[in-house]
């Protein structure tokens, strides 16, 4: 049961993009973190306006930040309008979206 979507991080063995094996984990479970039943897993540093739902497309920039666009069918589905979000992928700010 995951109405708001999630982002999976995949790391290939040895950092080799041609590797046939690797590990994965759910980096973020999306949705409003103030609603306990949602089970969102954003960083605690994510502000009340920083969370999102229904991740759709993503890209990583030269600084290693993940950029995510959302397609949540508007506020009725997620309580949030669609937008473009950035997510830190490393360090203390890991999983913090803005």
PDB file of N, CA and C in Angstrom:
ATOM      1  N   UNK A   1       0.848  -1.183   0.000  1.00  0.00           N
ATOM      2  CA  UNK A   1       0.000   0.000   0.000  1.00  0.00           C
ATOM      3  C   UNK A   1       0.888   1.239   0.000  1.00  0.00           C
ATOM      4  N   UNK A   2       0.945   1.902  -1.133  1.00  0.00           N
ATOM      5  CA  UNK A   2       1.780   3.084  -1.245  1.00  0.00           C
ATOM      6  C   UNK A   2       1.118   4.033  -2.236  1.00  0.00           C
ATOM      7  N   UNK A   3       0.234   4.863  -1.736  1.00  0.00           N
ATOM      8  CA  UNK A   3      -0.558   5.737  -2.595  1.00  0.00           C
ATOM      9  C   UNK A   3       0.220   6.905  -3.189  1.00  0.00           C
ATOM     10  N   UNK A   4       1.388   7.238  -2.631  1.00  0.00           N
ATOM     11  CA  UNK A   4       2.093   8.439  -3.056  1.00  0.00           C
ATOM     12  C   UNK A   4       3.387   8.180  -3.812  1.00  0.00           C
ATOM     13  N   UNK A   5       3.779   6.918  -3.970  1.00  0.00           N
ATOM     14  CA  UNK A   5       4.981   6.580  -4.720  1.00  0.00           C
ATOM     15  C   UNK A   5       6.230   6.578  -3.870  1.00  0.00           C
ATOM     16  N   UNK A   6       7.320   6.192  -4.497  1.00  0.00           N
ATOM     17  CA  UNK A   6       8.604   6.136  -3.808  1.00  0.00           C
ATOM     18  C   UNK A   6       9.732   6.233  -4.824  1.00  0.00           C
ATOM     19  N   UNK A   7      10.925   6.452  -4.321  1.00  0.00           N
ATOM     20  CA  UNK A   7      12.127   6.538  -5.160  1.00  0.00           C
ATOM     21  C   UNK A   7      13.086   5.457  -4.698  1.00  0.00           C
ATOM     22  N   UNK A   8      13.510   4.636  -5.644  1.00  0.00           N
ATOM     23  CA  UNK A   8      14.442   3.555  -5.358  1.00  0.00           C
ATOM     24  C   UNK A   8      15.837   3.971  -5.817  1.00  0.00           C
ATOM     25  N   UNK A   9      16.819   3.778  -4.948  1.00  0.00           N
ATOM     26  CA  UNK A   9      18.216   4.025  -5.304  1.00  0.00           C
ATOM     27  C   UNK A   9      18.860   2.680  -5.645  1.00  0.00           C
ATOM     28  N   UNK A  10      19.481   2.610  -6.810  1.00  0.00           N
ATOM     29  CA  UNK A  10      20.178   1.405  -7.252  1.00  0.00           C
ATOM     30  C   UNK A  10      21.660   1.725  -7.353  1.00  0.00           C
ATOM     31  N   UNK A  11      22.494   0.907  -6.708  1.00  0.00           N
ATOM     32  CA  UNK A  11      23.943   1.093  -6.738  1.00  0.00           C
ATOM     33  C   UNK A  11      24.562  -0.173  -7.320  1.00  0.00           C
ATOM     34  N   UNK A  12      25.198  -0.036  -8.465  1.00  0.00           N
ATOM     35  CA  UNK A  12      25.827  -1.172  -9.122  1.00  0.00           C
ATOM     36  C   UNK A  12      27.089  -1.585  -8.379  1.00  0.00           C
ATOM     37  N   UNK A  13      27.407  -2.872  -8.410  1.00  0.00           N
ATOM     38  CA  UNK A  13      28.622  -3.369  -7.762  1.00  0.00           C
ATOM     39  C   UNK A  13      29.836  -2.606  -8.273  1.00  0.00           C
ATOM     40  N   UNK A  14      30.652  -2.135  -7.343  1.00  0.00           N
ATOM     41  CA  UNK A  14      31.882  -1.440  -7.684  1.00  0.00           C
ATOM     42  C   UNK A  14      31.686  -0.103  -8.368  1.00  0.00           C
ATOM     43  N   UNK A  15      30.463   0.422  -8.363  1.00  0.00           N
ATOM     44  CA  UNK A  15      30.195   1.686  -9.049  1.00  0.00           C
ATOM     45  C   UNK A  15      30.297   1.572 -10.553  1.00  0.00           C
ATOM     46  N   UNK A  16      30.259   0.351 -11.066  1.00  0.00           N
ATOM     47  CA  UNK A  16      30.392   0.080 -12.493  1.00  0.00           C
ATOM     48  C   UNK A  16      29.005  -0.005 -13.122  1.00  0.00           C
ATOM     49  N   UNK A  17      28.662   0.971 -13.969  1.00  0.00           N
ATOM     50  CA  UNK A  17      27.335   1.012 -14.569  1.00  0.00           C
ATOM     51  C   UNK A  17      27.061  -0.156 -15.510  1.00  0.00           C
ATOM     52  N   UNK A  18      28.094  -0.908 -15.880  1.00  0.00           N
ATOM     53  CA  UNK A  18      27.880  -2.086 -16.729  1.00  0.00           C
ATOM     54  C   UNK A  18      27.755  -3.361 -15.901  1.00  0.00           C
ATOM     55  N   UNK A  19      27.864  -3.247 -14.590  1.00  0.00           N
ATOM     56  CA  UNK A  19      27.762  -4.422 -13.713  1.00  0.00           C
ATOM     57  C   UNK A  19      26.383  -5.062 -13.850  1.00  0.00           C
ATOM     58  N   UNK A  20      26.344  -6.356 -13.686  1.00  0.00           N
ATOM     59  CA  UNK A  20      25.070  -7.077 -13.769  1.00  0.00           C
ATOM     60  C   UNK A  20      24.453  -7.323 -12.400  1.00  0.00           C
ATOM     61  N   UNK A  21      25.131  -6.859 -11.351  1.00  0.00           N
ATOM     62  CA  UNK A  21      24.614  -7.008  -9.999  1.00  0.00           C
ATOM     63  C   UNK A  21      24.774  -5.697  -9.245  1.00  0.00           C
ATOM     64  N   UNK A  22      24.003  -5.557  -8.213  1.00  0.00           N
ATOM     65  CA  UNK A  22      24.079  -4.369  -7.375  1.00  0.00           C
ATOM     66  C   UNK A  22      23.114  -4.494  -6.220  1.00  0.00           C
ATOM     67  N   UNK A  23      22.929  -3.381  -5.529  1.00  0.00           N
ATOM     68  CA  UNK A  23      22.020  -3.342  -4.385  1.00  0.00           C
ATOM     69  C   UNK A  23      21.026  -2.211  -4.599  1.00  0.00           C
ATOM     70  N   UNK A  24      19.869  -2.341  -3.995  1.00  0.00           N
ATOM     71  CA  UNK A  24      18.876  -1.281  -4.080  1.00  0.00           C
ATOM     72  C   UNK A  24      18.219  -1.075  -2.727  1.00  0.00           C
ATOM     73  N   UNK A  25      17.690   0.113  -2.546  1.00  0.00           N
ATOM     74  CA  UNK A  25      16.923   0.425  -1.347  1.00  0.00           C
ATOM     75  C   UNK A  25      15.931   1.529  -1.686  1.00  0.00           C
ATOM     76  N   UNK A  26      14.868   1.580  -0.920  1.00  0.00           N
ATOM     77  CA  UNK A  26      13.925   2.682  -1.092  1.00  0.00           C
ATOM     78  C   UNK A  26      14.528   3.896  -0.400  1.00  0.00           C
ATOM     79  N   UNK A  27      14.912   4.885  -1.194  1.00  0.00           N
ATOM     80  CA  UNK A  27      15.530   6.100  -0.659  1.00  0.00           C
ATOM     81  C   UNK A  27      14.476   6.997  -0.005  1.00  0.00           C
ATOM     82  N   UNK A  28      13.332   7.123  -0.662  1.00  0.00           N
ATOM     83  CA  UNK A  28      12.242   7.950  -0.146  1.00  0.00           C
ATOM     84  C   UNK A  28      10.916   7.254  -0.355  1.00  0.00           C
ATOM     85  N   UNK A  29      10.096   7.256   0.647  1.00  0.00           N
ATOM     86  CA  UNK A  29       8.694   6.903   0.471  1.00  0.00           C
ATOM     87  C   UNK A  29       7.951   8.228   0.545  1.00  0.00           C
ATOM     88  N   UNK A  30       7.234   8.564  -0.502  1.00  0.00           N
ATOM     89  CA  UNK A  30       6.655   9.896  -0.660  1.00  0.00           C
ATOM     90  C   UNK A  30       5.314  10.047   0.053  1.00  0.00           C
ATOM     91  N   UNK A  31       4.872  11.281   0.119  1.00  0.00           N
ATOM     92  CA  UNK A  31       3.615  11.651   0.755  1.00  0.00           C
ATOM     93  C   UNK A  31       3.863  12.616   1.888  1.00  0.00           C
ATOM     94  N   UNK A  32       2.800  13.044   2.512  1.00  0.00           N
ATOM     95  CA  UNK A  32       2.875  14.033   3.586  1.00  0.00           C
ATOM     96  C   UNK A  32       3.429  13.391   4.858  1.00  0.00           C
ATOM     97  N   UNK A  33       4.631  13.774   5.285  1.00  0.00           N
ATOM     98  CA  UNK A  33       5.228  13.167   6.475  1.00  0.00           C
ATOM     99  C   UNK A  33       4.523  13.532   7.781  1.00  0.00           C
ATOM    100  N   UNK A  34       3.640  14.525   7.746  1.00  0.00           N
ATOM    101  CA  UNK A  34       2.923  14.885   8.973  1.00  0.00           C
ATOM    102  C   UNK A  34       1.741  13.950   9.241  1.00  0.00           C
ATOM    103  N   UNK A  35       1.441  13.070   8.273  1.00  0.00           N
ATOM    104  CA  UNK A  35       0.355  12.099   8.439  1.00  0.00           C
ATOM    105  C   UNK A  35       0.999  10.734   8.667  1.00  0.00           C
ATOM    106  N   UNK A  36       1.005  10.271   9.893  1.00  0.00           N
ATOM    107  CA  UNK A  36       1.724   9.048  10.268  1.00  0.00           C
ATOM    108  C   UNK A  36       1.338   7.848   9.414  1.00  0.00           C
ATOM    109  N   UNK A  37       0.060   7.722   9.067  1.00  0.00           N
ATOM    110  CA  UNK A  37      -0.399   6.569   8.293  1.00  0.00           C
ATOM    111  C   UNK A  37       0.236   6.491   6.910  1.00  0.00           C
ATOM    112  N   UNK A  38       0.702   7.613   6.380  1.00  0.00           N
ATOM    113  CA  UNK A  38       1.322   7.648   5.053  1.00  0.00           C
ATOM    114  C   UNK A  38       2.665   6.921   5.092  1.00  0.00           C
ATOM    115  N   UNK A  39       3.401   7.065   6.185  1.00  0.00           N
ATOM    116  CA  UNK A  39       4.687   6.398   6.325  1.00  0.00           C
ATOM    117  C   UNK A  39       5.801   7.004   5.489  1.00  0.00           C
ATOM    118  N   UNK A  40       5.690   8.288   5.153  1.00  0.00           N
ATOM    119  CA  UNK A  40       6.717   8.950   4.344  1.00  0.00           C
ATOM    120  C   UNK A  40       8.069   8.900   5.056  1.00  0.00           C
ATOM    121  N   UNK A  41       9.144   8.808   4.270  1.00  0.00           N
ATOM    122  CA  UNK A  41      10.482   8.679   4.859  1.00  0.00           C
ATOM    123  C   UNK A  41      11.437   9.778   4.417  1.00  0.00           C
ATOM    124  N   UNK A  42      10.936  10.983   4.244  1.00  0.00           N
ATOM    125  CA  UNK A  42      11.819  12.111   3.952  1.00  0.00           C
ATOM    126  C   UNK A  42      12.715  12.379   5.153  1.00  0.00           C
ATOM    127  N   UNK A  43      13.837  13.040   4.924  1.00  0.00           N
ATOM    128  CA  UNK A  43      14.692  13.475   6.026  1.00  0.00           C
ATOM    129  C   UNK A  43      13.889  14.350   6.975  1.00  0.00           C
ATOM    130  N   UNK A  44      14.230  14.322   8.243  1.00  0.00           N
ATOM    131  CA  UNK A  44      13.544  15.189   9.204  1.00  0.00           C
ATOM    132  C   UNK A  44      13.834  16.663   8.931  1.00  0.00           C
ATOM    133  N   UNK A  45      14.856  16.955   8.113  1.00  0.00           N
ATOM    134  CA  UNK A  45      15.171  18.337   7.749  1.00  0.00           C
ATOM    135  C   UNK A  45      14.265  18.860   6.632  1.00  0.00           C
ATOM    136  N   UNK A  46      13.465  17.987   6.032  1.00  0.00           N
ATOM    137  CA  UNK A  46      12.543  18.422   4.987  1.00  0.00           C
ATOM    138  C   UNK A  46      11.466  19.291   5.618  1.00  0.00           C
ATOM    139  N   UNK A  47      11.239  20.461   5.042  1.00  0.00           N
ATOM    140  CA  UNK A  47      10.262  21.391   5.608  1.00  0.00           C
ATOM    141  C   UNK A  47       8.841  20.952   5.261  1.00  0.00           C
ATOM    142  N   UNK A  48       7.880  21.625   5.871  1.00  0.00           N
ATOM    143  CA  UNK A  48       6.471  21.331   5.594  1.00  0.00           C
ATOM    144  C   UNK A  48       6.127  21.549   4.124  1.00  0.00           C
ATOM    145  N   UNK A  49       6.897  22.391   3.438  1.00  0.00           N
ATOM    146  CA  UNK A  49       6.665  22.631   2.017  1.00  0.00           C
ATOM    147  C   UNK A  49       7.605  21.834   1.117  1.00  0.00           C
ATOM    148  N   UNK A  50       8.458  21.008   1.695  1.00  0.00           N
ATOM    149  CA  UNK A  50       9.464  20.305   0.912  1.00  0.00           C
ATOM    150  C   UNK A  50       9.084  18.913   0.441  1.00  0.00           C
ATOM    151  N   UNK A  51       8.026  18.333   0.980  1.00  0.00           N
ATOM    152  CA  UNK A  51       7.669  16.974   0.592  1.00  0.00           C
ATOM    153  C   UNK A  51       6.893  16.975  -0.716  1.00  0.00           C
ATOM    154  N   UNK A  52       6.808  15.814  -1.340  1.00  0.00           N
ATOM    155  CA  UNK A  52       6.054  15.664  -2.582  1.00  0.00           C
ATOM    156  C   UNK A  52       5.484  14.260  -2.680  1.00  0.00           C
ATOM    157  N   UNK A  53       4.635  14.078  -3.658  1.00  0.00           N
ATOM    158  CA  UNK A  53       4.057  12.769  -3.936  1.00  0.00           C
ATOM    159  C   UNK A  53       4.025  12.527  -5.431  1.00  0.00           C
ATOM    160  N   UNK A  54       3.868  11.299  -5.819  1.00  0.00           N
ATOM    161  CA  UNK A  54       3.765  10.869  -7.210  1.00  0.00           C
ATOM    162  C   UNK A  54       4.998  11.247  -8.052  1.00  0.00           C
ATOM    163  N   UNK A  55       6.212  10.820  -7.638  1.00  0.00           N
ATOM    164  CA  UNK A  55       7.394  11.118  -8.452  1.00  0.00           C
ATOM    165  C   UNK A  55       7.234  10.502  -9.836  1.00  0.00           C
ATOM    166  N   UNK A  56       7.677  11.232 -10.853  1.00  0.00           N
ATOM    167  CA  UNK A  56       7.459  10.782 -12.224  1.00  0.00           C
ATOM    168  C   UNK A  56       8.768  10.653 -12.991  1.00  0.00           C
ATOM    169  N   UNK A  57       9.467  11.743 -13.202  1.00  0.00           N
ATOM    170  CA  UNK A  57      10.731  11.741 -13.945  1.00  0.00           C
ATOM    171  C   UNK A  57      11.842  12.243 -13.040  1.00  0.00           C
ATOM    172  N   UNK A  58      13.081  11.808 -13.320  1.00  0.00           N
ATOM    173  CA  UNK A  58      14.180  12.281 -12.495  1.00  0.00           C
ATOM    174  C   UNK A  58      15.468  12.392 -13.306  1.00  0.00           C
ATOM    175  N   UNK A  59      16.388  13.164 -12.765  1.00  0.00           N
ATOM    176  CA  UNK A  59      17.725  13.337 -13.342  1.00  0.00           C
ATOM    177  C   UNK A  59      18.658  13.689 -12.194  1.00  0.00           C
ATOM    178  N   UNK A  60      19.937  13.450 -12.399  1.00  0.00           N
ATOM    179  CA  UNK A  60      20.941  13.805 -11.394  1.00  0.00           C
ATOM    180  C   UNK A  60      21.849  14.860 -11.993  1.00  0.00           C
ATOM    181  N   UNK A  61      22.089  15.943 -11.242  1.00  0.00           N
ATOM    182  CA  UNK A  61      22.950  17.011 -11.751  1.00  0.00           C
ATOM    183  C   UNK A  61      24.412  16.753 -11.382  1.00  0.00           C
ATOM    184  N   UNK A  62      25.297  17.640 -11.822  1.00  0.00           N
ATOM    185  CA  UNK A  62      26.744  17.476 -11.624  1.00  0.00           C
ATOM    186  C   UNK A  62      27.140  17.473 -10.151  1.00  0.00           C
ATOM    187  N   UNK A  63      26.309  18.058  -9.280  1.00  0.00           N
ATOM    188  CA  UNK A  63      26.593  18.088  -7.846  1.00  0.00           C
ATOM    189  C   UNK A  63      26.044  16.850  -7.128  1.00  0.00           C
ATOM    190  N   UNK A  64      25.419  15.934  -7.867  1.00  0.00           N
ATOM    191  CA  UNK A  64      24.902  14.711  -7.275  1.00  0.00           C
ATOM    192  C   UNK A  64      23.505  14.824  -6.708  1.00  0.00           C
ATOM    193  N   UNK A  65      22.854  15.984  -6.917  1.00  0.00           N
ATOM    194  CA  UNK A  65      21.483  16.146  -6.440  1.00  0.00           C
ATOM    195  C   UNK A  65      20.524  15.453  -7.402  1.00  0.00           C
ATOM    196  N   UNK A  66      19.491  14.858  -6.842  1.00  0.00           N
ATOM    197  CA  UNK A  66      18.447  14.226  -7.625  1.00  0.00           C
ATOM    198  C   UNK A  66      17.350  15.258  -7.865  1.00  0.00           C
ATOM    199  N   UNK A  67      16.956  15.441  -9.115  1.00  0.00           N
ATOM    200  CA  UNK A  67      15.854  16.324  -9.469  1.00  0.00           C
ATOM    201  C   UNK A  67      14.669  15.449  -9.841  1.00  0.00           C
ATOM    202  N   UNK A  68      13.514  15.729  -9.265  1.00  0.00           N
ATOM    203  CA  UNK A  68      12.322  14.902  -9.454  1.00  0.00           C
ATOM    204  C   UNK A  68      11.151  15.787  -9.882  1.00  0.00           C
ATOM    205  N   UNK A  69      10.496  15.389 -10.962  1.00  0.00           N
ATOM    206  CA  UNK A  69       9.238  16.046 -11.314  1.00  0.00           C
ATOM    207  C   UNK A  69       8.108  15.148 -10.827  1.00  0.00           C
ATOM    208  N   UNK A  70       6.981  15.759 -10.521  1.00  0.00           N
ATOM    209  CA  UNK A  70       5.851  14.985 -10.014  1.00  0.00           C
ATOM    210  C   UNK A  70       4.687  15.040 -10.987  1.00  0.00           C
ATOM    211  N   UNK A  71       3.868  14.014 -10.931  1.00  0.00           N
ATOM    212  CA  UNK A  71       2.679  13.918 -11.764  1.00  0.00           C
ATOM    213  C   UNK A  71       1.597  13.287 -10.904  1.00  0.00           C
ATOM    214  N   UNK A  72       1.096  14.071  -9.954  1.00  0.00           N
ATOM    215  CA  UNK A  72       0.169  13.540  -8.968  1.00  0.00           C
ATOM    216  C   UNK A  72      -1.283  13.824  -9.239  1.00  0.00           C
ATOM    217  N   UNK A  73      -1.580  14.279 -10.422  1.00  0.00           N
ATOM    218  CA  UNK A  73      -2.961  14.580 -10.773  1.00  0.00           C
ATOM    219  C   UNK A  73      -3.535  15.675  -9.885  1.00  0.00           C
ATOM    220  N   UNK A  74      -2.653  16.545  -9.435  1.00  0.00           N
ATOM    221  CA  UNK A  74      -3.077  17.728  -8.696  1.00  0.00           C
ATOM    222  C   UNK A  74      -3.332  17.512  -7.218  1.00  0.00           C
ATOM    223  N   UNK A  75      -3.758  18.582  -6.552  1.00  0.00           N
ATOM    224  CA  UNK A  75      -3.936  18.561  -5.100  1.00  0.00           C
ATOM    225  C   UNK A  75      -4.938  17.535  -4.587  1.00  0.00           C
ATOM    226  N   UNK A  76      -5.909  17.139  -5.380  1.00  0.00           N
ATOM    227  CA  UNK A  76      -6.880  16.155  -4.890  1.00  0.00           C
ATOM    228  C   UNK A  76      -6.206  14.833  -4.560  1.00  0.00           C
ATOM    229  N   UNK A  77      -5.199  14.435  -5.345  1.00  0.00           N
ATOM    230  CA  UNK A  77      -4.543  13.141  -5.136  1.00  0.00           C
ATOM    231  C   UNK A  77      -3.498  13.180  -4.028  1.00  0.00           C
ATOM    232  N   UNK A  78      -2.722  14.269  -3.942  1.00  0.00           N
ATOM    233  CA  UNK A  78      -1.598  14.292  -2.999  1.00  0.00           C
ATOM    234  C   UNK A  78      -1.665  15.410  -1.962  1.00  0.00           C
ATOM    235  N   UNK A  79      -2.539  16.383  -2.160  1.00  0.00           N
ATOM    236  CA  UNK A  79      -2.552  17.544  -1.276  1.00  0.00           C
ATOM    237  C   UNK A  79      -1.488  18.550  -1.679  1.00  0.00           C
ATOM    238  N   UNK A  80      -0.893  18.347  -2.821  1.00  0.00           N
ATOM    239  CA  UNK A  80       0.216  19.174  -3.282  1.00  0.00           C
ATOM    240  C   UNK A  80       0.087  19.369  -4.791  1.00  0.00           C
ATOM    241  N   UNK A  81       0.435  20.546  -5.290  1.00  0.00           N
ATOM    242  CA  UNK A  81       0.448  20.726  -6.740  1.00  0.00           C
ATOM    243  C   UNK A  81       1.690  20.055  -7.312  1.00  0.00           C
ATOM    244  N   UNK A  82       1.665  19.744  -8.607  1.00  0.00           N
ATOM    245  CA  UNK A  82       2.839  19.159  -9.238  1.00  0.00           C
ATOM    246  C   UNK A  82       3.961  20.180  -9.287  1.00  0.00           C
ATOM    247  N   UNK A  83       5.184  19.683  -9.320  1.00  0.00           N
ATOM    248  CA  UNK A  83       6.306  20.592  -9.332  1.00  0.00           C
ATOM    249  C   UNK A  83       7.607  19.892  -9.650  1.00  0.00           C
ATOM    250  N   UNK A  84       8.688  20.620  -9.458  1.00  0.00           N
ATOM    251  CA  UNK A  84      10.043  20.122  -9.650  1.00  0.00           C
ATOM    252  C   UNK A  84      10.751  20.252  -8.304  1.00  0.00           C
ATOM    253  N   UNK A  85      11.322  19.146  -7.833  1.00  0.00           N
ATOM    254  CA  UNK A  85      11.920  19.081  -6.503  1.00  0.00           C
ATOM    255  C   UNK A  85      13.364  18.621  -6.622  1.00  0.00           C
ATOM    256  N   UNK A  86      14.200  19.062  -5.704  1.00  0.00           N
ATOM    257  CA  UNK A  86      15.567  18.572  -5.636  1.00  0.00           C
ATOM    258  C   UNK A  86      15.729  17.812  -4.319  1.00  0.00           C
ATOM    259  N   UNK A  87      16.493  16.719  -4.389  1.00  0.00           N
ATOM    260  CA  UNK A  87      16.699  15.869  -3.218  1.00  0.00           C
ATOM    261  C   UNK A  87      18.194  15.632  -3.045  1.00  0.00           C
ATOM    262  N   UNK A  88      18.707  15.918  -1.859  1.00  0.00           N
ATOM    263  CA  UNK A  88      20.113  15.621  -1.577  1.00  0.00           C
ATOM    264  C   UNK A  88      20.266  14.102  -1.482  1.00  0.00           C
ATOM    265  N   UNK A  89      21.371  13.584  -2.000  1.00  0.00           N
ATOM    266  CA  UNK A  89      21.575  12.140  -2.044  1.00  0.00           C
ATOM    267  C   UNK A  89      22.681  11.646  -1.119  1.00  0.00           C
ATOM    268  N   UNK A  90      23.421  12.571  -0.502  1.00  0.00           N
ATOM    269  CA  UNK A  90      24.531  12.159   0.350  1.00  0.00           C
ATOM    270  C   UNK A  90      24.606  13.022   1.608  1.00  0.00           C
ATOM    271  N   UNK A  91      25.360  12.546   2.576  1.00  0.00           N
ATOM    272  CA  UNK A  91      25.658  13.307   3.784  1.00  0.00           C
ATOM    273  C   UNK A  91      24.475  13.449   4.715  1.00  0.00           C
ATOM    274  N   UNK A  92      24.591  14.400   5.629  1.00  0.00           N
ATOM    275  CA  UNK A  92      23.554  14.620   6.631  1.00  0.00           C
ATOM    276  C   UNK A  92      22.233  15.056   6.016  1.00  0.00           C
ATOM    277  N   UNK A  93      22.277  15.659   4.841  1.00  0.00           N
ATOM    278  CA  UNK A  93      21.059  16.140   4.191  1.00  0.00           C
ATOM    279  C   UNK A  93      20.409  15.073   3.289  1.00  0.00           C
ATOM    280  N   UNK A  94      20.951  13.859   3.280  1.00  0.00           N
ATOM    281  CA  UNK A  94      20.401  12.800   2.442  1.00  0.00           C
ATOM    282  C   UNK A  94      18.897  12.661   2.644  1.00  0.00           C
ATOM    283  N   UNK A  95      18.170  12.560   1.537  1.00  0.00           N
ATOM    284  CA  UNK A  95      16.711  12.414   1.520  1.00  0.00           C
ATOM    285  C   UNK A  95      15.978  13.690   1.930  1.00  0.00           C
ATOM    286  N   UNK A  96      16.680  14.824   1.928  1.00  0.00           N
ATOM    287  CA  UNK A  96      16.026  16.109   2.183  1.00  0.00           C
ATOM    288  C   UNK A  96      15.605  16.689   0.846  1.00  0.00           C
ATOM    289  N   UNK A  97      14.330  16.953   0.688  1.00  0.00           N
ATOM    290  CA  UNK A  97      13.838  17.528  -0.573  1.00  0.00           C
ATOM    291  C   UNK A  97      13.495  18.985  -0.374  1.00  0.00           C
ATOM    292  N   UNK A  98      13.611  19.713  -1.474  1.00  0.00           N
ATOM    293  CA  UNK A  98      13.349  21.171  -1.461  1.00  0.00           C
ATOM    294  C   UNK A  98      12.603  21.523  -2.721  1.00  0.00           C
TER     295      UNK A  98
END
